[in-house]
C-alpha atoms as a PDB file:
ATOM      1  CA  MET A   1     -16.776 -47.819-121.132  1.00  0.00           C
ATOM      2  CA  ARG A   2     -18.618 -49.307-118.345  1.00  0.00           C
ATOM      3  CA  MET A   3     -15.196 -50.313-117.078  1.00  0.00           C
ATOM      4  CA  LYS A   4     -13.886 -47.019-116.920  1.00  0.00           C
ATOM      5  CA  LYS A   5     -16.798 -45.186-115.555  1.00  0.00           C
ATOM      6  CA  LEU A   6     -16.760 -48.419-112.517  1.00  0.00           C
ATOM      7  CA  HIS A   7     -13.140 -47.209-112.013  1.00  0.00           C
ATOM      8  CA  MET A   8     -13.813 -43.505-111.650  1.00  0.00           C
ATOM      9  CA  PHE A   9     -16.834 -44.203-109.302  1.00  0.00           C
ATOM     10  CA  SER A  10     -14.354 -46.754-107.044  1.00  0.00           C
ATOM     11  CA  LEU A  11     -12.214 -43.489-106.929  1.00  0.00           C
ATOM     12  CA  LEU A  12     -14.510 -41.317-105.633  1.00  0.00           C
ATOM     13  CA  CYS A  13     -15.683 -43.535-103.142  1.00  0.00           C
ATOM     14  CA  ALA A  14     -12.137 -44.257-101.333  1.00  0.00           C
ATOM     15  CA  LEU A  15     -11.730 -40.201-101.137  1.00  0.00           C
ATOM     16  CA  LEU A  16     -14.934 -40.134 -99.349  1.00  0.00           C
ATOM     17  CA  ALA A  17     -14.156 -42.875 -97.069  1.00  0.00           C
ATOM     18  CA  CYS A  18     -10.477 -41.398 -96.017  1.00  0.00           C
ATOM     19  CA  SER A  19     -12.061 -37.742 -95.544  1.00  0.00           C
ATOM     20  CA  PHE A  20     -14.175 -39.642 -92.684  1.00  0.00           C
ATOM     21  CA  VAL A  21     -10.672 -41.211 -90.683  1.00  0.00           C
ATOM     22  CA  PRO A  22      -9.886 -39.340 -87.815  1.00  0.00           C
ATOM     23  CA  GLN A  23      -6.184 -37.595 -88.347  1.00  0.00           C
ATOM     24  CA  ALA A  24      -2.861 -37.434 -85.475  1.00  0.00           C
ATOM     25  CA  THR A  25      -2.091 -34.026 -84.435  1.00  0.00           C
ATOM     26  CA  TRP A  26       1.543 -33.330 -82.422  1.00  0.00           C
ATOM     27  CA  ALA A  27       1.369 -30.108 -80.189  1.00  0.00           C
ATOM     28  CA  GLN A  28       4.399 -28.931 -77.898  1.00  0.00           C
ATOM     29  CA  ASP A  29       3.769 -28.982 -74.318  1.00  0.00           C
ATOM     30  CA  SER A  30       4.604 -25.074 -72.455  1.00  0.00           C
ATOM     31  CA  ILE A  31       6.865 -25.286 -69.473  1.00  0.00           C
ATOM     32  CA  ASP A  32       6.210 -23.262 -66.562  1.00  0.00           C
ATOM     33  CA  THR A  33       9.598 -21.595 -65.990  1.00  0.00           C
ATOM     34  CA  PRO A  34      10.225 -18.431 -63.921  1.00  0.00           C
ATOM     35  CA  ASP A  35      11.186 -15.148 -65.263  1.00  0.00           C
ATOM     36  CA  PHE A  36      14.648 -13.797 -64.454  1.00  0.00           C
ATOM     37  CA  THR A  37      14.720 -10.579 -65.474  1.00  0.00           C
ATOM     38  CA  PRO A  38      16.117  -8.048 -63.196  1.00  0.00           C
ATOM     39  CA  ASP A  39      12.198  -6.468 -62.703  1.00  0.00           C
ATOM     40  CA  SER A  40      10.936 -10.182 -61.880  1.00  0.00           C
ATOM     41  CA  SER A  41       9.243 -11.384 -58.565  1.00  0.00           C
ATOM     42  CA  ASP A  42      10.531 -14.951 -59.651  1.00  0.00           C
ATOM     43  CA  PHE A  43      14.589 -13.854 -59.089  1.00  0.00           C
ATOM     44  CA  VAL A  44      15.135 -11.621 -55.755  1.00  0.00           C
ATOM     45  CA  PHE A  45      18.222 -11.390 -53.868  1.00  0.00           C
ATOM     46  CA  ASP A  46      17.613  -9.078 -50.485  1.00  0.00           C
ATOM     47  CA  PHE A  47      21.657  -8.314 -50.023  1.00  0.00           C
ATOM     48  CA  GLU A  48      20.652  -6.732 -46.644  1.00  0.00           C
ATOM     49  CA  SER A  49      19.108  -9.850 -45.033  1.00  0.00           C
ATOM     50  CA  ASP A  50      20.540 -12.714 -47.029  1.00  0.00           C
ATOM     51  CA  PHE A  51      24.098 -11.201 -47.179  1.00  0.00           C
ATOM     52  CA  SER A  52      25.929  -9.361 -44.165  1.00  0.00           C
ATOM     53  CA  LEU A  53      29.922  -8.489 -45.062  1.00  0.00           C
ATOM     54  CA  TYR A  54      31.953  -7.264 -42.673  1.00  0.00           C
ATOM     55  CA  LYS A  55      35.340  -5.636 -43.176  1.00  0.00           C
ATOM     56  CA  SER A  56      37.921  -3.138 -41.320  1.00  0.00           C
ATOM     57  CA  SER A  57      41.403  -2.637 -42.783  1.00  0.00           C
ATOM     58  CA  GLY A  58      44.379  -0.293 -42.568  1.00  0.00           C
ATOM     59  CA  TYR A  59      46.012   1.026 -39.458  1.00  0.00           C
ATOM     60  CA  PHE A  60      44.153   0.182 -36.065  1.00  0.00           C
ATOM     61  CA  PRO A  61      41.839  -2.442 -37.750  1.00  0.00           C
ATOM     62  CA  ILE A  62      38.806  -3.422 -35.640  1.00  0.00           C
ATOM     63  CA  PRO A  63      38.474  -6.767 -34.921  1.00  0.00           C
ATOM     64  CA  TYR A  64      35.163  -9.007 -36.223  1.00  0.00           C
ATOM     65  CA  PRO A  65      33.329 -10.626 -33.147  1.00  0.00           C
ATOM     66  CA  ASP A  66      34.857 -14.264 -32.309  1.00  0.00           C
ATOM     67  CA  ALA A  67      36.621 -16.362 -29.918  1.00  0.00           C
ATOM     68  CA  SER A  68      39.375 -18.848 -30.712  1.00  0.00           C
ATOM     69  CA  TRP A  69      41.851 -20.819 -29.100  1.00  0.00           C
ATOM     70  CA  THR A  70      45.575 -21.589 -30.371  1.00  0.00           C
ATOM     71  CA  VAL A  71      47.962 -24.160 -28.928  1.00  0.00           C
ATOM     72  CA  PHE A  72      51.762 -22.928 -28.773  1.00  0.00           C
ATOM     73  CA  LEU A  73      55.245 -23.931 -29.071  1.00  0.00           C
ATOM     74  CA  GLN A  74      57.500 -21.430 -27.019  1.00  0.00           C
ATOM     75  CA  THR A  75      61.379 -21.411 -27.027  1.00  0.00           C
ATOM     76  CA  GLY A  76      63.597 -18.717 -26.211  1.00  0.00           C
ATOM     77  CA  GLY A  77      66.652 -18.458 -24.246  1.00  0.00           C
ATOM     78  CA  TYR A  78      68.080 -16.085 -20.826  1.00  0.00           C
ATOM     79  CA  TYR A  79      69.017 -12.354 -21.507  1.00  0.00           C
ATOM     80  CA  SER A  80      69.956 -12.096 -18.154  1.00  0.00           C
ATOM     81  CA  SER A  81      71.099  -9.185 -15.911  1.00  0.00           C
ATOM     82  CA  ALA A  82      73.807 -10.048 -13.333  1.00  0.00           C
ATOM     83  CA  SER A  83      77.455  -8.979 -12.703  1.00  0.00           C
ATOM     84  CA  ASN A  84      79.775  -9.149  -9.612  1.00  0.00           C
ATOM     85  CA  LEU A  85      77.199 -11.654  -8.099  1.00  0.00           C
ATOM     86  CA  ARG A  86      77.690 -13.194  -4.724  1.00  0.00           C
ATOM     87  CA  SER A  87      75.303 -15.316  -3.006  1.00  0.00           C
ATOM     88  CA  SER A  88      74.257 -17.934  -0.407  1.00  0.00           C
ATOM     89  CA  ALA A  89      72.879 -19.995  -2.833  1.00  0.00           C
ATOM     90  CA  PHE A  90      76.750 -20.295  -4.685  1.00  0.00           C
ATOM     91  CA  ALA A  91      79.509 -22.946  -3.179  1.00  0.00           C
ATOM     92  CA  PRO A  92      82.253 -20.119  -2.466  1.00  0.00           C
ATOM     93  CA  THR A  93      84.556 -19.287  -5.878  1.00  0.00           C
ATOM     94  CA  THR A  94      87.399 -17.167  -6.252  1.00  0.00           C
ATOM     95  CA  SER A  95      85.546 -15.053  -8.516  1.00  0.00           C
ATOM     96  CA  ALA A  96      82.721 -13.598  -8.390  1.00  0.00           C
ATOM     97  CA  PHE A  97      79.610 -15.118 -11.042  1.00  0.00           C
ATOM     98  CA  SER A  98      77.716 -13.137 -13.765  1.00  0.00           C
ATOM     99  CA  CYS A  99      76.088 -14.074 -16.887  1.00  0.00           C
ATOM    100  CA  ASP A 100      79.283 -13.258 -19.196  1.00  0.00           C
ATOM    101  CA  ASN A 101      80.350 -16.157 -21.050  1.00  0.00           C
ATOM    102  CA  PRO A 102      83.863 -16.452 -20.816  1.00  0.00           C
ATOM    103  CA  TYR A 103      84.224 -19.436 -22.909  1.00  0.00           C
ATOM    104  CA  GLU A 104      85.620 -19.101 -26.475  1.00  0.00           C
ATOM    105  CA  THR A 105      83.086 -19.977 -29.480  1.00  0.00           C
ATOM    106  CA  ASP A 106      86.174 -21.407 -31.403  1.00  0.00           C
ATOM    107  CA  ASP A 107      87.812 -23.330 -29.284  1.00  0.00           C
ATOM    108  CA  ASP A 108      87.247 -27.255 -27.742  1.00  0.00           C
ATOM    109  CA  GLU A 109      87.211 -24.939 -24.052  1.00  0.00           C
ATOM    110  CA  HIS A 110      83.509 -25.699 -23.120  1.00  0.00           C
ATOM    111  CA  GLU A 111      83.860 -29.604 -24.116  1.00  0.00           C
ATOM    112  CA  ILE A 112      83.939 -32.153 -20.853  1.00  0.00           C
ATOM    113  CA  MET A 113      85.797 -35.234 -21.414  1.00  0.00           C
ATOM    114  CA  GLU A 114      85.718 -38.414 -20.216  1.00  0.00           C
ATOM    115  CA  ALA A 115      88.050 -39.561 -17.412  1.00  0.00           C
ATOM    116  CA  TRP A 116      91.568 -40.362 -18.034  1.00  0.00           C
ATOM    117  CA  THR A 117      90.734 -39.856 -21.972  1.00  0.00           C
ATOM    118  CA  ASN A 118      91.035 -36.671 -24.447  1.00  0.00           C
ATOM    119  CA  SER A 119      87.856 -38.066 -25.887  1.00  0.00           C
ATOM    120  CA  ALA A 120      84.778 -35.238 -25.542  1.00  0.00           C
ATOM    121  CA  GLU A 121      81.777 -36.781 -23.060  1.00  0.00           C
ATOM    122  CA  ASP A 122      79.652 -34.200 -23.120  1.00  0.00           C
ATOM    123  CA  ASP A 123      79.129 -30.188 -23.291  1.00  0.00           C
ATOM    124  CA  ILE A 124      79.117 -27.574 -20.894  1.00  0.00           C
ATOM    125  CA  PRO A 125      75.136 -26.928 -19.998  1.00  0.00           C
ATOM    126  CA  GLN A 126      73.627 -24.402 -22.153  1.00  0.00           C
ATOM    127  CA  ALA A 127      70.910 -21.400 -21.318  1.00  0.00           C
ATOM    128  CA  GLY A 128      67.488 -22.252 -23.424  1.00  0.00           C
ATOM    129  CA  LEU A 129      64.142 -22.861 -22.894  1.00  0.00           C
ATOM    130  CA  TRP A 130      61.306 -24.297 -24.663  1.00  0.00           C
ATOM    131  CA  GLY A 131      57.585 -25.055 -24.153  1.00  0.00           C
ATOM    132  CA  LEU A 132      53.694 -25.936 -24.715  1.00  0.00           C
ATOM    133  CA  GLY A 133      51.135 -23.621 -24.248  1.00  0.00           C
ATOM    134  CA  LEU A 134      47.700 -22.917 -24.512  1.00  0.00           C
ATOM    135  CA  GLN A 135      45.878 -20.024 -25.892  1.00  0.00           C
ATOM    136  CA  GLY A 136      42.566 -18.108 -25.535  1.00  0.00           C
ATOM    137  CA  THR A 137      41.552 -15.007 -28.044  1.00  0.00           C
ATOM    138  CA  LEU A 138      38.362 -12.639 -27.613  1.00  0.00           C
ATOM    139  CA  GLN A 139      37.642 -10.325 -29.959  1.00  0.00           C
ATOM    140  CA  THR A 140      34.994  -7.399 -29.933  1.00  0.00           C
ATOM    141  CA  LYS A 141      34.239  -4.503 -32.163  1.00  0.00           C
ATOM    142  CA  PHE A 142      36.823  -2.811 -30.327  1.00  0.00           C
ATOM    143  CA  PRO A 143      40.195  -2.173 -31.609  1.00  0.00           C
ATOM    144  CA  VAL A 144      41.929  -4.303 -28.475  1.00  0.00           C
ATOM    145  CA  MET A 145      41.417  -7.958 -27.938  1.00  0.00           C
ATOM    146  CA  LEU A 146      41.912 -10.078 -25.005  1.00  0.00           C
ATOM    147  CA  THR A 147      43.895 -12.839 -24.588  1.00  0.00           C
ATOM    148  CA  GLY A 148      44.685 -15.066 -22.123  1.00  0.00           C
ATOM    149  CA  GLN A 149      47.093 -18.081 -21.973  1.00  0.00           C
ATOM    150  CA  VAL A 150      48.724 -20.968 -19.762  1.00  0.00           C
ATOM    151  CA  ALA A 151      52.451 -22.807 -20.440  1.00  0.00           C
ATOM    152  CA  LEU A 152      54.634 -25.316 -19.342  1.00  0.00           C
ATOM    153  CA  LEU A 153      58.163 -24.905 -19.875  1.00  0.00           C
ATOM    154  CA  CYS A 154      61.149 -26.673 -19.860  1.00  0.00           C
ATOM    155  CA  SER A 155      64.292 -24.127 -18.872  1.00  0.00           C
ATOM    156  CA  ASP A 156      68.125 -24.347 -18.123  1.00  0.00           C
ATOM    157  CA  ASP A 157      69.835 -20.895 -17.060  1.00  0.00           C
ATOM    158  CA  VAL A 158      73.726 -20.794 -16.150  1.00  0.00           C
ATOM    159  CA  LEU A 159      76.089 -18.511 -14.587  1.00  0.00           C
ATOM    160  CA  PHE A 160      79.690 -18.174 -14.591  1.00  0.00           C
ATOM    161  CA  SER A 161      82.757 -17.179 -12.647  1.00  0.00           C
ATOM    162  CA  GLU A 162      86.017 -16.919 -14.290  1.00  0.00           C
ATOM    163  CA  ASP A 163      89.503 -17.615 -12.389  1.00  0.00           C
ATOM    164  CA  LYS A 164      92.649 -17.265 -14.646  1.00  0.00           C
ATOM    165  CA  SER A 165      94.893 -17.052 -11.539  1.00  0.00           C
ATOM    166  CA  ARG A 166      95.460 -20.645 -11.174  1.00  0.00           C
ATOM    167  CA  ALA A 167      98.700 -22.520 -12.412  1.00  0.00           C
ATOM    168  CA  PHE A 168     100.442 -26.082 -12.746  1.00  0.00           C
ATOM    169  CA  VAL A 169     103.834 -27.479 -13.265  1.00  0.00           C
ATOM    170  CA  SER A 170     103.606 -29.674 -16.067  1.00  0.00           C
ATOM    171  CA  ASN A 171     105.434 -32.847 -16.770  1.00  0.00           C
ATOM    172  CA  ASP A 172     108.351 -30.754 -18.768  1.00  0.00           C
ATOM    173  CA  GLY A 173     108.601 -28.966 -15.855  1.00  0.00           C
ATOM    174  CA  GLU A 174     106.821 -25.784 -16.993  1.00  0.00           C
ATOM    175  CA  MET A 175     104.440 -23.530 -15.283  1.00  0.00           C
ATOM    176  CA  LEU A 176     101.405 -22.817 -17.291  1.00  0.00           C
ATOM    177  CA  ASN A 177      98.515 -21.055 -15.754  1.00  0.00           C
ATOM    178  CA  PHE A 178      95.020 -22.898 -16.877  1.00  0.00           C
ATOM    179  CA  LYS A 179      91.674 -21.097 -16.972  1.00  0.00           C
ATOM    180  CA  GLU A 180      89.091 -22.198 -14.903  1.00  0.00           C
ATOM    181  CA  ILE A 181      85.507 -21.697 -15.064  1.00  0.00           C
ATOM    182  CA  THR A 182      82.702 -22.364 -12.534  1.00  0.00           C
ATOM    183  CA  LEU A 183      78.916 -22.227 -13.467  1.00  0.00           C
ATOM    184  CA  PHE A 184      75.975 -22.237 -11.478  1.00  0.00           C
ATOM    185  CA  HIS A 185      73.075 -24.122 -13.149  1.00  0.00           C
ATOM    186  CA  ILE A 186      69.636 -24.278 -12.936  1.00  0.00           C
ATOM    187  CA  SER A 187      67.567 -27.002 -14.435  1.00  0.00           C
ATOM    188  CA  GLU A 188      63.882 -26.649 -13.714  1.00  0.00           C
ATOM    189  CA  TYR A 189      60.269 -26.749 -15.203  1.00  0.00           C
ATOM    190  CA  ILE A 190      57.969 -23.492 -14.938  1.00  0.00           C
ATOM    191  CA  ALA A 191      54.203 -23.506 -15.103  1.00  0.00           C
ATOM    192  CA  THR A 192      52.948 -19.880 -16.164  1.00  0.00           C
ATOM    193  CA  ALA A 193      49.747 -18.414 -16.775  1.00  0.00           C
ATOM    194  CA  GLY A 194      49.297 -14.593 -17.675  1.00  0.00           C
ATOM    195  CA  ALA A 195      46.287 -12.642 -19.150  1.00  0.00           C
ATOM    196  CA  GLY A 196      46.858  -9.286 -21.257  1.00  0.00           C
ATOM    197  CA  LEU A 197      46.044  -7.059 -24.129  1.00  0.00           C
ATOM    198  CA  THR A 198      46.175  -7.266 -28.122  1.00  0.00           C
ATOM    199  CA  ILE A 199      46.539  -4.523 -29.999  1.00  0.00           C
ATOM    200  CA  PRO A 200      45.899  -4.614 -33.767  1.00  0.00           C
ATOM    201  CA  VAL A 201      48.363  -2.399 -35.677  1.00  0.00           C
ATOM    202  CA  TYR A 202      47.825  -3.183 -39.104  1.00  0.00           C
ATOM    203  CA  GLY A 203      45.784  -5.448 -41.502  1.00  0.00           C
ATOM    204  CA  ALA A 204      42.614  -6.496 -42.031  1.00  0.00           C
ATOM    205  CA  TYR A 205      39.469  -7.888 -41.087  1.00  0.00           C
ATOM    206  CA  VAL A 206      36.714  -9.615 -43.310  1.00  0.00           C
ATOM    207  CA  GLN A 207      34.056 -12.008 -42.478  1.00  0.00           C
ATOM    208  CA  ASN A 208      30.581 -13.040 -44.378  1.00  0.00           C
ATOM    209  CA  ASP A 209      27.641 -15.082 -43.235  1.00  0.00           C
ATOM    210  CA  GLY A 210      24.546 -15.585 -44.410  1.00  0.00           C
ATOM    211  CA  VAL A 211      23.291 -17.702 -47.772  1.00  0.00           C
ATOM    212  CA  PHE A 212      27.067 -19.099 -47.613  1.00  0.00           C
ATOM    213  CA  ASP A 213      28.687 -20.721 -45.207  1.00  0.00           C
ATOM    214  CA  GLU A 214      30.077 -18.132 -42.579  1.00  0.00           C
ATOM    215  CA  PHE A 215      33.983 -17.382 -43.985  1.00  0.00           C
ATOM    216  CA  ARG A 216      36.190 -15.088 -41.501  1.00  0.00           C
ATOM    217  CA  PHE A 217      40.113 -14.214 -42.726  1.00  0.00           C
ATOM    218  CA  SER A 218      42.310 -11.701 -40.746  1.00  0.00           C
ATOM    219  CA  SER A 219      45.906 -10.976 -41.340  1.00  0.00           C
ATOM    220  CA  VAL A 220      46.849  -8.970 -39.104  1.00  0.00           C
ATOM    221  CA  TYR A 221      49.939  -7.297 -37.122  1.00  0.00           C
ATOM    222  CA  TYR A 222      49.919  -6.620 -33.352  1.00  0.00           C
ATOM    223  CA  VAL A 223      51.063  -5.716 -30.232  1.00  0.00           C
ATOM    224  CA  HIS A 224      50.878  -7.485 -26.451  1.00  0.00           C
ATOM    225  CA  ILE A 225      51.209  -5.946 -23.494  1.00  0.00           C
ATOM    226  CA  GLY A 226      50.062  -8.043 -20.184  1.00  0.00           C
ATOM    227  CA  ALA A 227      51.170 -10.018 -17.231  1.00  0.00           C
ATOM    228  CA  SER A 228      51.920 -13.409 -16.049  1.00  0.00           C
ATOM    229  CA  TYR A 229      52.775 -15.595 -12.734  1.00  0.00           C
ATOM    230  CA  SER A 230      55.258 -18.324 -12.851  1.00  0.00           C
ATOM    231  CA  VAL A 231      56.043 -21.385 -10.890  1.00  0.00           C
ATOM    232  CA  SER A 232      59.030 -23.601 -10.465  1.00  0.00           C
ATOM    233  CA  PHE A 233      59.288 -26.639  -9.832  1.00  0.00           C
ATOM    234  CA  GLY A 234      61.682 -29.984  -9.935  1.00  0.00           C
ATOM    235  CA  ARG A 235      64.421 -27.845  -9.776  1.00  0.00           C
ATOM    236  CA  GLU A 236      67.972 -29.183  -9.575  1.00  0.00           C
ATOM    237  CA  ILE A 237      70.840 -26.886  -8.767  1.00  0.00           C
ATOM    238  CA  GLN A 238      74.327 -28.068  -9.392  1.00  0.00           C
ATOM    239  CA  GLN A 239      77.504 -26.356  -9.784  1.00  0.00           C
ATOM    240  CA  PHE A 240      80.489 -27.450 -12.196  1.00  0.00           C
ATOM    241  CA  ALA A 241      84.302 -26.478 -12.086  1.00  0.00           C
ATOM    242  CA  HIS A 242      85.908 -27.068 -15.345  1.00  0.00           C
ATOM    243  CA  ILE A 243      89.021 -26.550 -16.142  1.00  0.00           C
ATOM    244  CA  ALA A 244      88.833 -25.271 -20.032  1.00  0.00           C
ATOM    245  CA  THR A 245      92.115 -25.467 -20.962  1.00  0.00           C
ATOM    246  CA  HIS A 246      95.480 -27.567 -21.397  1.00  0.00           C
ATOM    247  CA  LYS A 247      92.678 -30.342 -20.470  1.00  0.00           C
ATOM    248  CA  ASN A 248      95.096 -32.775 -22.089  1.00  0.00           C
ATOM    249  CA  LYS A 249      98.259 -31.966 -19.044  1.00  0.00           C
ATOM    250  CA  ILE A 250      95.847 -31.095 -16.289  1.00  0.00           C
ATOM    251  CA  ARG A 251      92.716 -33.403 -14.543  1.00  0.00           C
ATOM    252  CA  PHE A 252      91.096 -33.268 -11.424  1.00  0.00           C
ATOM    253  CA  PRO A 253      91.688 -36.298  -9.064  1.00  0.00           C
ATOM    254  CA  ASN A 254      88.536 -38.140 -10.559  1.00  0.00           C
ATOM    255  CA  GLY A 255      90.458 -38.235 -14.074  1.00  0.00           C
ATOM    256  CA  THR A 256      88.206 -35.902 -15.923  1.00  0.00           C
ATOM    257  CA  ASP A 257      88.207 -31.907 -16.505  1.00  0.00           C
ATOM    258  CA  THR A 258      84.903 -31.007 -14.352  1.00  0.00           C
ATOM    259  CA  LEU A 259      83.716 -31.315 -10.918  1.00  0.00           C
ATOM    260  CA  ARG A 260      79.983 -31.211 -10.057  1.00  0.00           C
ATOM    261  CA  THR A 261      78.457 -30.388  -6.826  1.00  0.00           C
ATOM    262  CA  THR A 262      74.607 -30.894  -6.263  1.00  0.00           C
ATOM    263  CA  LEU A 263      73.781 -27.574  -4.346  1.00  0.00           C
ATOM    264  CA  ALA A 264      71.024 -28.984  -1.672  1.00  0.00           C
ATOM    265  CA  GLY A 265      69.564 -26.803   0.651  1.00  0.00           C
ATOM    266  CA  VAL A 266      69.605 -23.247  -1.263  1.00  0.00           C
ATOM    267  CA  ASP A 267      65.776 -23.404  -2.844  1.00  0.00           C
ATOM    268  CA  ASP A 268      65.891 -20.204   0.547  1.00  0.00           C
ATOM    269  CA  SER A 269      67.813 -18.782  -1.496  1.00  0.00           C
ATOM    270  CA  VAL A 270      66.609 -18.976  -5.091  1.00  0.00           C
ATOM    271  CA  ARG A 271      62.768 -17.578  -6.098  1.00  0.00           C
ATOM    272  CA  SER A 272      60.382 -20.002  -6.955  1.00  0.00           C
ATOM    273  CA  THR A 273      57.748 -17.770  -7.703  1.00  0.00           C
ATOM    274  CA  SER A 274      57.724 -15.008 -10.053  1.00  0.00           C
ATOM    275  CA  LEU A 275      55.655 -12.653 -11.379  1.00  0.00           C
ATOM    276  CA  ASN A 276      56.512 -10.804 -14.711  1.00  0.00           C
ATOM    277  CA  VAL A 277      55.385  -8.004 -17.496  1.00  0.00           C
ATOM    278  CA  GLU A 278      54.870  -9.720 -20.835  1.00  0.00           C
ATOM    279  CA  CYS A 279      55.623  -7.760 -24.128  1.00  0.00           C
ATOM    280  CA  ALA A 280      55.318  -8.931 -27.461  1.00  0.00           C
ATOM    281  CA  LEU A 281      55.216  -8.527 -31.092  1.00  0.00           C
ATOM    282  CA  GLY A 282      53.085 -10.454 -33.344  1.00  0.00           C
ATOM    283  CA  TRP A 283      51.809 -11.410 -36.843  1.00  0.00           C
ATOM    284  CA  LYS A 284      48.404 -13.600 -37.135  1.00  0.00           C
ATOM    285  CA  LEU A 285      46.529 -15.021 -40.242  1.00  0.00           C
ATOM    286  CA  THR A 286      42.735 -16.335 -39.975  1.00  0.00           C
ATOM    287  CA  ILE A 287      41.626 -18.495 -42.837  1.00  0.00           C
ATOM    288  CA  SER A 288      37.982 -19.924 -41.217  1.00  0.00           C
ATOM    289  CA  ASP A 289      38.624 -21.941 -38.648  1.00  0.00           C
ATOM    290  CA  PHE A 290      42.500 -22.207 -38.977  1.00  0.00           C
ATOM    291  CA  ILE A 291      44.958 -20.136 -37.569  1.00  0.00           C
ATOM    292  CA  PHE A 292      48.647 -19.363 -37.667  1.00  0.00           C
ATOM    293  CA  GLY A 293      50.713 -16.566 -36.239  1.00  0.00           C
ATOM    294  CA  LEU A 294      54.328 -15.774 -35.468  1.00  0.00           C
ATOM    295  CA  GLU A 295      55.431 -14.175 -32.258  1.00  0.00           C
ATOM    296  CA  LEU A 296      58.609 -12.172 -30.818  1.00  0.00           C
ATOM    297  CA  TYR A 297      57.558 -11.732 -26.868  1.00  0.00           C
ATOM    298  CA  ALA A 298      59.838 -10.919 -23.627  1.00  0.00           C
ATOM    299  CA  THR A 299      59.253 -11.758 -20.452  1.00  0.00           C
ATOM    300  CA  ILE A 300      60.755  -9.705 -17.492  1.00  0.00           C
ATOM    301  CA  PRO A 301      60.106 -10.413 -14.582  1.00  0.00           C
ATOM    302  CA  THR A 302      59.439  -7.542 -11.500  1.00  0.00           C
ATOM    303  CA  GLU A 303      61.777  -9.434  -8.942  1.00  0.00           C
ATOM    304  CA  TYR A 304      65.525 -11.080  -8.829  1.00  0.00           C
ATOM    305  CA  ALA A 305      65.729 -14.375  -8.679  1.00  0.00           C
ATOM    306  CA  LEU A 306      68.305 -14.210  -5.856  1.00  0.00           C
ATOM    307  CA  LYS A 307      67.032 -12.757  -3.186  1.00  0.00           C
ATOM    308  CA  ASP A 308      70.290 -11.721  -1.322  1.00  0.00           C
ATOM    309  CA  ALA A 309      72.013 -10.534  -5.349  1.00  0.00           C
ATOM    310  CA  ALA A 310      70.591  -8.605  -8.180  1.00  0.00           C
ATOM    311  CA  TRP A 311      70.011 -11.642 -10.936  1.00  0.00           C
ATOM    312  CA  ARG A 312      67.228 -10.682 -13.283  1.00  0.00           C
ATOM    313  CA  ARG A 313      66.428 -13.567 -15.528  1.00  0.00           C
ATOM    314  CA  THR A 314      64.701 -11.896 -18.827  1.00  0.00           C
ATOM    315  CA  ILE A 315      63.223 -14.499 -21.036  1.00  0.00           C
ATOM    316  CA  GLY A 316      62.990 -14.000 -24.799  1.00  0.00           C
ATOM    317  CA  GLY A 317      62.174 -15.798 -27.459  1.00  0.00           C
ATOM    318  CA  MET A 318      59.455 -16.899 -30.412  1.00  0.00           C
ATOM    319  CA  ARG A 319      56.128 -18.404 -30.228  1.00  0.00           C
ATOM    320  CA  PHE A 320      54.197 -20.809 -32.773  1.00  0.00           C
ATOM    321  CA  ASN A 321      50.503 -20.651 -32.884  1.00  0.00           C
ATOM    322  CA  LEU A 322      48.369 -23.082 -34.559  1.00  0.00           C
ATOM    323  CA  GLY A 323      44.365 -23.710 -34.238  1.00  0.00           C
ATOM    324  CA  PHE A 324      41.721 -25.415 -36.258  1.00  0.00           C
END
């Protein structure tokens, strides 16, 4: 009995001792998070002050204010107006000069043969033009843009004189007529500068800035009208007498089918400067700083190329614009 009472007393003491030992507690720390409900002041986005969007689209859109530079590649040809020309710039020929090409396109008439052989050495000169330039565009909040450009062009232009009255006696004793064509060829460099107005006809302009990085986008079709002034330099003027038919039966004394003459002292008869009217139709794409454009253009001189003959050298072609 005494042992049982001792055990009960020991158990009671142990329980009383445990009641005085400190106990560990756990609680979640509170996190101070903002309130993102629409009515909360913790999340405010002021569209008027933090975000601006400009948009104009449709016919005759109004561009956003901007200034840009692009480089362009220019290609083209001459669409001359000339017939029955006689000038002090030409060496004398039987027939007058014109811009009509008398060569047969599906034949070898245009080939220049090597001396004493029937192998082609070269082709006759061809009219054409190409060059590089720099263009600047100023956009304001008006339905028109100001455009200026400078360019350096490499140019070739040709006039033709056809003579079918010539004849020769072949080795077989046969009388044969042959066609002789004389070419008046101008090879030159042209420096040009111009300015004008560009009118967006159809498309869209979009611009935004603010909390986001500035972003610009436009895609427009446009027309351009302006003026330019050009100066020719490094000019070389030659005249070619070329046997176009029966090349294997008749040659000039030098053994070839072509006689070349460099015309000296004729610069006074050929204008070296020109005031021009510029017209163009084009499309331009802008994505932020990237610019790409295509343009069909015409350059119409206000004066004839020759001082004593009515030769108007109109240029037409394409320009490819690229900017970053």
